[in-house]
All heavy atoms as atom14 arrays in JSON, in Angstrom:
{
  "sequence": "AYFTRTECVAGVQDMRFQEFMPDILHWLGITRIDRLVSMSN",
  "atom14_mask": [
    [1, 1, 1, 1, 1, 0, 0, 0, 0, 0, 0, 0, 0, 0],
    [1, 1, 1, 1, 1, 1, 1, 1, 1, 1, 1, 1, 0, 0],
    [1, 1, 1, 1, 1, 1, 1, 1, 1, 1, 1, 0, 0, 0],
    [1, 1, 1, 1, 1, 1, 1, 0, 0, 0, 0, 0, 0, 0],
    [1, 1, 1, 1, 1, 1, 1, 1, 1, 1, 1, 0, 0, 0],
    [1, 1, 1, 1, 1, 1, 1, 0, 0, 0, 0, 0, 0, 0],
    [1, 1, 1, 1, 1, 1, 1, 1, 1, 0, 0, 0, 0, 0],
    [1, 1, 1, 1, 1, 1, 0, 0, 0, 0, 0, 0, 0, 0],
    [1, 1, 1, 1, 1, 1, 1, 0, 0, 0, 0, 0, 0, 0],
    [1, 1, 1, 1, 1, 0, 0, 0, 0, 0, 0, 0, 0, 0],
    [1, 1, 1, 1, 0, 0, 0, 0, 0, 0, 0, 0, 0, 0],
    [1, 1, 1, 1, 1, 1, 1, 0, 0, 0, 0, 0, 0, 0],
    [1, 1, 1, 1, 1, 1, 1, 1, 1, 0, 0, 0, 0, 0],
    [1, 1, 1, 1, 1, 1, 1, 1, 0, 0, 0, 0, 0, 0],
    [1, 1, 1, 1, 1, 1, 1, 1, 0, 0, 0, 0, 0, 0],
    [1, 1, 1, 1, 1, 1, 1, 1, 1, 1, 1, 0, 0, 0],
    [1, 1, 1, 1, 1, 1, 1, 1, 1, 1, 1, 0, 0, 0],
    [1, 1, 1, 1, 1, 1, 1, 1, 1, 0, 0, 0, 0, 0],
    [1, 1, 1, 1, 1, 1, 1, 1, 1, 0, 0, 0, 0, 0],
    [1, 1, 1, 1, 1, 1, 1, 1, 1, 1, 1, 0, 0, 0],
    [1, 1, 1, 1, 1, 1, 1, 1, 0, 0, 0, 0, 0, 0],
    [1, 1, 1, 1, 1, 1, 1, 0, 0, 0, 0, 0, 0, 0],
    [1, 1, 1, 1, 1, 1, 1, 1, 0, 0, 0, 0, 0, 0],
    [1, 1, 1, 1, 1, 1, 1, 1, 0, 0, 0, 0, 0, 0],
    [1, 1, 1, 1, 1, 1, 1, 1, 0, 0, 0, 0, 0, 0],
    [1, 1, 1, 1, 1, 1, 1, 1, 1, 1, 0, 0, 0, 0],
    [1, 1, 1, 1, 1, 1, 1, 1, 1, 1, 1, 1, 1, 1],
    [1, 1, 1, 1, 1, 1, 1, 1, 0, 0, 0, 0, 0, 0],
    [1, 1, 1, 1, 0, 0, 0, 0, 0, 0, 0, 0, 0, 0],
    [1, 1, 1, 1, 1, 1, 1, 1, 0, 0, 0, 0, 0, 0],
    [1, 1, 1, 1, 1, 1, 1, 0, 0, 0, 0, 0, 0, 0],
    [1, 1, 1, 1, 1, 1, 1, 1, 1, 1, 1, 0, 0, 0],
    [1, 1, 1, 1, 1, 1, 1, 1, 0, 0, 0, 0, 0, 0],
    [1, 1, 1, 1, 1, 1, 1, 1, 0, 0, 0, 0, 0, 0],
    [1, 1, 1, 1, 1, 1, 1, 1, 1, 1, 1, 0, 0, 0],
    [1, 1, 1, 1, 1, 1, 1, 1, 0, 0, 0, 0, 0, 0],
    [1, 1, 1, 1, 1, 1, 1, 0, 0, 0, 0, 0, 0, 0],
    [1, 1, 1, 1, 1, 1, 0, 0, 0, 0, 0, 0, 0, 0],
    [1, 1, 1, 1, 1, 1, 1, 1, 0, 0, 0, 0, 0, 0],
    [1, 1, 1, 1, 1, 1, 0, 0, 0, 0, 0, 0, 0, 0],
    [1, 1, 1, 1, 1, 1, 1, 1, 0, 0, 0, 0, 0, 0]
  ],
  "atom14_positions": [
    [[-23.04, 8.61, 9.73], [-23.12, 7.15, 9.59], [-22.03, 6.54, 8.7], [-22.05, 5.41, 8.29], [-24.51, 6.76, 9.06], [0.0, 0.0, 0.0], [0.0, 0.0, 0.0], [0.0, 0.0, 0.0], [0.0, 0.0, 0.0], [0.0, 0.0, 0.0], [0.0, 0.0, 0.0], [0.0, 0.0, 0.0], [0.0, 0.0, 0.0], [0.0, 0.0, 0.0]],
    [[-21.1, 7.41, 8.33], [-20.03, 7.04, 7.37], [-19.31, 5.77, 7.75], [-19.26, 4.85, 6.94], [-19.04, 8.21, 7.2], [-17.87, 7.94, 6.36], [-17.98, 7.99, 4.97], [-16.65, 7.54, 6.83], [-16.93, 7.78, 4.11], [-15.56, 7.32, 6.08], [-15.68, 7.43, 4.7], [-14.63, 7.16, 3.87], [0.0, 0.0, 0.0], [0.0, 0.0, 0.0]],
    [[-18.76, 5.7, 8.97], [-18.02, 4.51, 9.42], [-18.94, 3.34, 9.75], [-18.55, 2.18, 9.58], [-17.09, 4.86, 10.56], [-16.0, 5.73, 10.21], [-15.97, 7.12, 10.6], [-14.89, 5.27, 9.45], [-14.92, 7.96, 10.26], [-13.83, 6.07, 9.09], [-13.91, 7.45, 9.52], [0.0, 0.0, 0.0], [0.0, 0.0, 0.0], [0.0, 0.0, 0.0]],
    [[-20.11, 3.6, 10.23], [-21.09, 2.58, 10.57], [-21.41, 1.66, 9.43], [-21.47, 0.39, 9.54], [-22.37, 3.14, 11.2], [-22.0, 4.04, 12.34], [-23.3, 2.05, 11.72], [0.0, 0.0, 0.0], [0.0, 0.0, 0.0], [0.0, 0.0, 0.0], [0.0, 0.0, 0.0], [0.0, 0.0, 0.0], [0.0, 0.0, 0.0], [0.0, 0.0, 0.0]],
    [[-21.67, 2.24, 8.26], [-21.97, 1.49, 7.11], [-20.83, 0.55, 6.67], [-21.08, -0.62, 6.32], [-22.3, 2.35, 5.94], [-23.55, 3.2, 6.03], [-24.87, 2.35, 6.17], [-25.17, 2.07, 7.53], [-25.85, 1.09, 7.94], [-26.24, 0.19, 7.12], [-26.12, 0.93, 9.22], [0.0, 0.0, 0.0], [0.0, 0.0, 0.0], [0.0, 0.0, 0.0]],
    [[-19.63, 1.01, 6.87], [-18.46, 0.16, 6.5], [-18.38, -1.05, 7.49], [-18.21, -2.26, 7.04], [-17.18, 0.98, 6.67], [-17.2, 2.05, 5.73], [-15.99, 0.09, 6.26], [0.0, 0.0, 0.0], [0.0, 0.0, 0.0], [0.0, 0.0, 0.0], [0.0, 0.0, 0.0], [0.0, 0.0, 0.0], [0.0, 0.0, 0.0], [0.0, 0.0, 0.0]],
    [[-18.58, -0.79, 8.75], [-18.56, -1.93, 9.78], [-19.68, -2.9, 9.51], [-19.49, -4.08, 9.73], [-18.62, -1.31, 11.14], [-17.38, -0.61, 11.6], [-17.45, -0.18, 13.05], [-18.46, -0.41, 13.71], [-16.47, 0.37, 13.54], [0.0, 0.0, 0.0], [0.0, 0.0, 0.0], [0.0, 0.0, 0.0], [0.0, 0.0, 0.0], [0.0, 0.0, 0.0]],
    [[-20.91, -2.43, 9.1], [-21.97, -3.34, 8.88], [-21.62, -4.33, 7.77], [-21.97, -5.5, 7.85], [-23.23, -2.58, 8.55], [-23.93, -1.66, 9.86], [0.0, 0.0, 0.0], [0.0, 0.0, 0.0], [0.0, 0.0, 0.0], [0.0, 0.0, 0.0], [0.0, 0.0, 0.0], [0.0, 0.0, 0.0], [0.0, 0.0, 0.0], [0.0, 0.0, 0.0]],
    [[-20.94, -3.86, 6.68], [-20.6, -4.73, 5.56], [-19.34, -5.53, 5.85], [-19.33, -6.78, 5.67], [-20.43, -3.87, 4.31], [-19.96, -4.8, 3.14], [-21.75, -3.14, 3.93], [0.0, 0.0, 0.0], [0.0, 0.0, 0.0], [0.0, 0.0, 0.0], [0.0, 0.0, 0.0], [0.0, 0.0, 0.0], [0.0, 0.0, 0.0], [0.0, 0.0, 0.0]],
    [[-18.27, -4.86, 6.33], [-16.99, -5.48, 6.46], [-16.69, -6.07, 7.84], [-15.76, -6.9, 8.01], [-15.88, -4.51, 6.01], [0.0, 0.0, 0.0], [0.0, 0.0, 0.0], [0.0, 0.0, 0.0], [0.0, 0.0, 0.0], [0.0, 0.0, 0.0], [0.0, 0.0, 0.0], [0.0, 0.0, 0.0], [0.0, 0.0, 0.0], [0.0, 0.0, 0.0]],
    [[-17.37, -5.65, 8.83], [-17.11, -6.01, 10.19], [-16.0, -5.18, 10.88], [-15.85, -5.38, 12.05], [0.0, 0.0, 0.0], [0.0, 0.0, 0.0], [0.0, 0.0, 0.0], [0.0, 0.0, 0.0], [0.0, 0.0, 0.0], [0.0, 0.0, 0.0], [0.0, 0.0, 0.0], [0.0, 0.0, 0.0], [0.0, 0.0, 0.0], [0.0, 0.0, 0.0]],
    [[-15.4, -4.34, 10.17], [-14.28, -3.51, 10.64], [-14.2, -2.23, 9.79], [-14.61, -2.31, 8.58], [-13.01, -4.33, 10.68], [-12.58, -4.67, 9.19], [-11.88, -3.6, 11.35], [0.0, 0.0, 0.0], [0.0, 0.0, 0.0], [0.0, 0.0, 0.0], [0.0, 0.0, 0.0], [0.0, 0.0, 0.0], [0.0, 0.0, 0.0], [0.0, 0.0, 0.0]],
    [[-13.68, -1.15, 10.29], [-13.6, 0.02, 9.55], [-12.43, 0.08, 8.57], [-12.47, 0.59, 7.49], [-13.45, 1.27, 10.48], [-14.67, 1.59, 11.29], [-14.46, 2.85, 12.11], [-13.51, 3.59, 11.98], [-15.41, 3.1, 12.98], [0.0, 0.0, 0.0], [0.0, 0.0, 0.0], [0.0, 0.0, 0.0], [0.0, 0.0, 0.0], [0.0, 0.0, 0.0]],
    [[-11.36, -0.62, 8.94], [-10.09, -0.46, 8.28], [-9.2, -1.64, 8.4], [-9.1, -2.2, 9.58], [-9.41, 0.8, 8.82], [-8.27, 1.28, 7.89], [-7.32, 0.5, 7.67], [-8.29, 2.42, 7.55], [0.0, 0.0, 0.0], [0.0, 0.0, 0.0], [0.0, 0.0, 0.0], [0.0, 0.0, 0.0], [0.0, 0.0, 0.0], [0.0, 0.0, 0.0]],
    [[-8.5, -2.14, 7.4], [-7.56, -3.27, 7.58], [-6.27, -2.98, 6.91], [-5.58, -3.89, 6.46], [-8.15, -4.57, 6.92], [-9.42, -5.11, 7.66], [-9.79, -6.78, 7.29], [-10.08, -6.82, 5.6], [0.0, 0.0, 0.0], [0.0, 0.0, 0.0], [0.0, 0.0, 0.0], [0.0, 0.0, 0.0], [0.0, 0.0, 0.0], [0.0, 0.0, 0.0]],
    [[-5.9, -1.67, 6.84], [-4.6, -1.38, 6.22], [-3.38, -1.56, 7.11], [-2.28, -1.69, 6.6], [-4.61, 0.13, 5.78], [-5.48, 0.4, 4.57], [-5.61, 1.88, 4.31], [-6.41, 2.57, 5.34], [-6.69, 3.87, 5.3], [-6.28, 4.67, 4.32], [-7.4, 4.35, 6.3], [0.0, 0.0, 0.0], [0.0, 0.0, 0.0], [0.0, 0.0, 0.0]],
    [[-3.6, -1.65, 8.37], [-2.51, -1.85, 9.39], [-1.33, -0.94, 9.06], [-0.28, -1.3, 8.65], [-2.07, -3.35, 9.33], [-3.12, -4.28, 9.89], [-3.96, -4.99, 9.13], [-3.25, -4.4, 11.3], [-4.99, -5.8, 9.61], [-4.24, -5.22, 11.87], [-5.14, -5.94, 11.03], [0.0, 0.0, 0.0], [0.0, 0.0, 0.0], [0.0, 0.0, 0.0]],
    [[-1.63, 0.31, 9.33], [-0.63, 1.36, 9.05], [0.68, 1.22, 9.78], [1.67, 1.83, 9.37], [-1.22, 2.77, 9.34], [-2.44, 3.08, 8.48], [-2.22, 3.27, 7.03], [-1.05, 3.16, 6.57], [-3.2, 3.68, 6.27], [0.0, 0.0, 0.0], [0.0, 0.0, 0.0], [0.0, 0.0, 0.0], [0.0, 0.0, 0.0], [0.0, 0.0, 0.0]],
    [[0.67, 0.38, 10.82], [1.89, 0.2, 11.6], [2.98, -0.33, 10.78], [4.23, -0.31, 11.13], [1.65, -0.64, 12.82], [0.97, -1.96, 12.63], [-0.47, -1.91, 12.95], [-1.21, -1.03, 12.31], [-1.04, -2.62, 13.79], [0.0, 0.0, 0.0], [0.0, 0.0, 0.0], [0.0, 0.0, 0.0], [0.0, 0.0, 0.0], [0.0, 0.0, 0.0]],
    [[2.64, -0.95, 9.63], [3.77, -1.57, 8.76], [4.18, -0.57, 7.69], [5.26, -0.72, 7.04], [3.24, -2.83, 8.06], [2.95, -3.89, 9.05], [1.59, -4.41, 9.16], [3.91, -4.5, 9.88], [1.29, -5.35, 10.14], [3.62, -5.49, 10.74], [2.3, -5.9, 10.93], [0.0, 0.0, 0.0], [0.0, 0.0, 0.0], [0.0, 0.0, 0.0]],
    [[3.39, 0.47, 7.5], [3.68, 1.45, 6.38], [5.04, 2.13, 6.54], [5.71, 2.39, 5.54], [2.51, 2.43, 6.31], [2.74, 3.6, 5.42], [3.44, 4.99, 6.43], [2.12, 5.43, 7.52], [0.0, 0.0, 0.0], [0.0, 0.0, 0.0], [0.0, 0.0, 0.0], [0.0, 0.0, 0.0], [0.0, 0.0, 0.0], [0.0, 0.0, 0.0]],
    [[5.46, 2.5, 7.74], [6.7, 3.23, 7.92], [7.99, 2.47, 7.47], [9.03, 3.04, 7.26], [6.81, 3.54, 9.39], [5.37, 3.61, 9.82], [4.74, 2.5, 9.04], [0.0, 0.0, 0.0], [0.0, 0.0, 0.0], [0.0, 0.0, 0.0], [0.0, 0.0, 0.0], [0.0, 0.0, 0.0], [0.0, 0.0, 0.0], [0.0, 0.0, 0.0]],
    [[7.77, 1.12, 7.23], [8.97, 0.32, 6.76], [9.56, 0.87, 5.52], [10.8, 0.88, 5.29], [8.55, -1.09, 6.54], [8.22, -1.86, 7.83], [8.08, -1.21, 8.87], [8.3, -3.09, 7.84], [0.0, 0.0, 0.0], [0.0, 0.0, 0.0], [0.0, 0.0, 0.0], [0.0, 0.0, 0.0], [0.0, 0.0, 0.0], [0.0, 0.0, 0.0]],
    [[8.7, 1.37, 4.61], [9.2, 1.94, 3.31], [9.99, 3.18, 3.57], [10.97, 3.44, 3.0], [7.94, 2.22, 2.38], [7.29, 0.85, 1.98], [8.5, 2.94, 1.12], [6.07, 1.11, 1.17], [0.0, 0.0, 0.0], [0.0, 0.0, 0.0], [0.0, 0.0, 0.0], [0.0, 0.0, 0.0], [0.0, 0.0, 0.0], [0.0, 0.0, 0.0]],
    [[9.49, 4.01, 4.56], [10.15, 5.29, 4.86], [11.55, 4.94, 5.48], [12.5, 5.6, 5.18], [9.32, 6.06, 5.83], [7.92, 6.44, 5.44], [7.17, 7.2, 6.43], [7.9, 7.21, 4.05], [0.0, 0.0, 0.0], [0.0, 0.0, 0.0], [0.0, 0.0, 0.0], [0.0, 0.0, 0.0], [0.0, 0.0, 0.0], [0.0, 0.0, 0.0]],
    [[11.66, 3.9, 6.29], [12.89, 3.5, 6.89], [13.85, 2.92, 5.86], [15.05, 3.07, 5.86], [12.71, 2.46, 8.02], [12.04, 3.11, 9.27], [12.67, 4.08, 9.95], [10.88, 2.89, 9.89], [11.93, 4.47, 11.05], [10.79, 3.75, 10.96], [0.0, 0.0, 0.0], [0.0, 0.0, 0.0], [0.0, 0.0, 0.0], [0.0, 0.0, 0.0]],
    [[13.22, 2.2, 4.84], [14.07, 1.73, 3.78], [14.74, 2.91, 2.98], [15.88, 2.78, 2.56], [13.19, 0.91, 2.75], [13.91, 0.5, 1.52], [14.92, -0.37, 1.4], [13.66, 1.02, 0.2], [15.41, -0.46, 0.11], [14.63, 0.35, -0.68], [12.77, 1.95, -0.36], [14.68, 0.62, -2.03], [12.85, 2.16, -1.73], [13.79, 1.49, -2.54]],
    [[14.03, 3.99, 2.89], [14.57, 5.15, 2.21], [15.54, 5.9, 3.09], [16.25, 6.81, 2.65], [13.42, 6.12, 1.82], [12.52, 5.63, 0.65], [11.24, 6.48, 0.64], [13.26, 5.56, -0.65], [0.0, 0.0, 0.0], [0.0, 0.0, 0.0], [0.0, 0.0, 0.0], [0.0, 0.0, 0.0], [0.0, 0.0, 0.0], [0.0, 0.0, 0.0]],
    [[15.65, 5.55, 4.36], [16.57, 6.22, 5.33], [15.98, 7.44, 5.92], [16.69, 8.28, 6.52], [0.0, 0.0, 0.0], [0.0, 0.0, 0.0], [0.0, 0.0, 0.0], [0.0, 0.0, 0.0], [0.0, 0.0, 0.0], [0.0, 0.0, 0.0], [0.0, 0.0, 0.0], [0.0, 0.0, 0.0], [0.0, 0.0, 0.0], [0.0, 0.0, 0.0]],
    [[14.67, 7.64, 5.85], [14.02, 8.82, 6.42], [14.03, 8.8, 7.9], [13.6, 7.85, 8.51], [12.59, 8.91, 5.88], [12.63, 9.18, 4.34], [11.78, 9.97, 6.57], [11.26, 9.16, 3.67], [0.0, 0.0, 0.0], [0.0, 0.0, 0.0], [0.0, 0.0, 0.0], [0.0, 0.0, 0.0], [0.0, 0.0, 0.0], [0.0, 0.0, 0.0]],
    [[14.42, 9.93, 8.53], [14.36, 10.13, 9.99], [13.52, 11.31, 10.31], [13.18, 11.52, 11.51], [15.78, 10.2, 10.57], [16.46, 11.32, 9.94], [16.54, 8.93, 10.38], [0.0, 0.0, 0.0], [0.0, 0.0, 0.0], [0.0, 0.0, 0.0], [0.0, 0.0, 0.0], [0.0, 0.0, 0.0], [0.0, 0.0, 0.0], [0.0, 0.0, 0.0]],
    [[13.35, 12.16, 9.36], [12.54, 13.42, 9.56], [11.76, 13.77, 8.34], [12.28, 13.73, 7.26], [13.41, 14.62, 9.97], [12.71, 15.86, 10.49], [13.6, 17.09, 10.43], [13.89, 17.61, 9.04], [15.04, 17.99, 8.66], [16.03, 18.08, 9.47], [15.27, 18.41, 7.42], [0.0, 0.0, 0.0], [0.0, 0.0, 0.0], [0.0, 0.0, 0.0]],
    [[10.48, 14.13, 8.55], [9.62, 14.6, 7.46], [9.27, 16.11, 7.82], [8.67, 16.36, 8.78], [8.36, 13.74, 7.27], [8.75, 12.3, 6.93], [7.44, 14.41, 6.26], [7.52, 11.39, 6.97], [0.0, 0.0, 0.0], [0.0, 0.0, 0.0], [0.0, 0.0, 0.0], [0.0, 0.0, 0.0], [0.0, 0.0, 0.0], [0.0, 0.0, 0.0]],
    [[9.67, 16.94, 6.93], [9.4, 18.36, 7.21], [7.91, 18.69, 6.96], [7.33, 19.49, 7.69], [10.29, 19.23, 6.33], [11.74, 19.1, 6.63], [12.18, 19.63, 7.72], [12.48, 18.43, 5.96], [0.0, 0.0, 0.0], [0.0, 0.0, 0.0], [0.0, 0.0, 0.0], [0.0, 0.0, 0.0], [0.0, 0.0, 0.0], [0.0, 0.0, 0.0]],
    [[7.36, 18.15, 5.86], [5.99, 18.43, 5.54], [5.3, 17.09, 5.18], [5.61, 16.51, 4.2], [5.91, 19.45, 4.39], [6.69, 20.72, 4.65], [6.66, 21.69, 3.47], [5.41, 22.48, 3.43], [4.55, 22.47, 2.49], [4.75, 21.75, 1.35], [3.48, 23.19, 2.49], [0.0, 0.0, 0.0], [0.0, 0.0, 0.0], [0.0, 0.0, 0.0]],
    [[4.39, 16.68, 6.06], [3.6, 15.47, 5.76], [2.29, 15.84, 5.2], [1.39, 16.44, 5.88], [3.46, 14.66, 7.03], [2.62, 13.34, 6.91], [3.3, 12.35, 6.01], [2.35, 12.74, 8.32], [0.0, 0.0, 0.0], [0.0, 0.0, 0.0], [0.0, 0.0, 0.0], [0.0, 0.0, 0.0], [0.0, 0.0, 0.0], [0.0, 0.0, 0.0]],
    [[2.01, 15.49, 3.92], [0.79, 15.88, 3.25], [-0.3, 14.78, 3.52], [-0.51, 13.9, 2.71], [1.01, 16.1, 1.69], [-0.31, 16.68, 1.08], [2.21, 17.0, 1.51], [0.0, 0.0, 0.0], [0.0, 0.0, 0.0], [0.0, 0.0, 0.0], [0.0, 0.0, 0.0], [0.0, 0.0, 0.0], [0.0, 0.0, 0.0], [0.0, 0.0, 0.0]],
    [[-0.8, 14.86, 4.72], [-1.79, 13.84, 5.13], [-2.52, 14.35, 6.36], [-2.02, 15.0, 7.23], [-1.09, 12.52, 5.47], [-1.99, 11.58, 6.03], [0.0, 0.0, 0.0], [0.0, 0.0, 0.0], [0.0, 0.0, 0.0], [0.0, 0.0, 0.0], [0.0, 0.0, 0.0], [0.0, 0.0, 0.0], [0.0, 0.0, 0.0], [0.0, 0.0, 0.0]],
    [[-3.79, 14.05, 6.42], [-4.64, 14.32, 7.54], [-4.9, 13.11, 8.42], [-5.46, 13.28, 9.49], [-6.05, 14.9, 7.08], [-5.9, 16.21, 6.23], [-7.48, 16.67, 5.47], [-8.51, 17.13, 6.86], [0.0, 0.0, 0.0], [0.0, 0.0, 0.0], [0.0, 0.0, 0.0], [0.0, 0.0, 0.0], [0.0, 0.0, 0.0], [0.0, 0.0, 0.0]],
    [[-4.42, 11.97, 7.93], [-4.73, 10.71, 8.64], [-4.04, 10.63, 10.03], [-2.86, 10.67, 10.1], [-4.34, 9.52, 7.84], [-4.39, 8.28, 8.55], [0.0, 0.0, 0.0], [0.0, 0.0, 0.0], [0.0, 0.0, 0.0], [0.0, 0.0, 0.0], [0.0, 0.0, 0.0], [0.0, 0.0, 0.0], [0.0, 0.0, 0.0], [0.0, 0.0, 0.0]],
    [[-4.86, 10.46, 11.0], [-4.19, 10.28, 12.41], [-3.53, 8.88, 12.5], [-2.5, 8.79, 13.18], [-5.3, 10.42, 13.51], [-6.45, 9.51, 13.3], [-6.91, 9.35, 12.14], [-6.94, 8.89, 14.36], [0.0, 0.0, 0.0], [0.0, 0.0, 0.0], [0.0, 0.0, 0.0], [0.0, 0.0, 0.0], [0.0, 0.0, 0.0], [0.0, 0.0, 0.0]]
  ]
}
């Protein structure tokens, strides 16, 4: 019920909009990451 409780309160599970996050990586000039320390799909 982990995500259900969030939706009941907030109406949505997540509002981080990760599609904008890579902008910082592109600012750094990154084109390849050898090791990504993240499990987030």
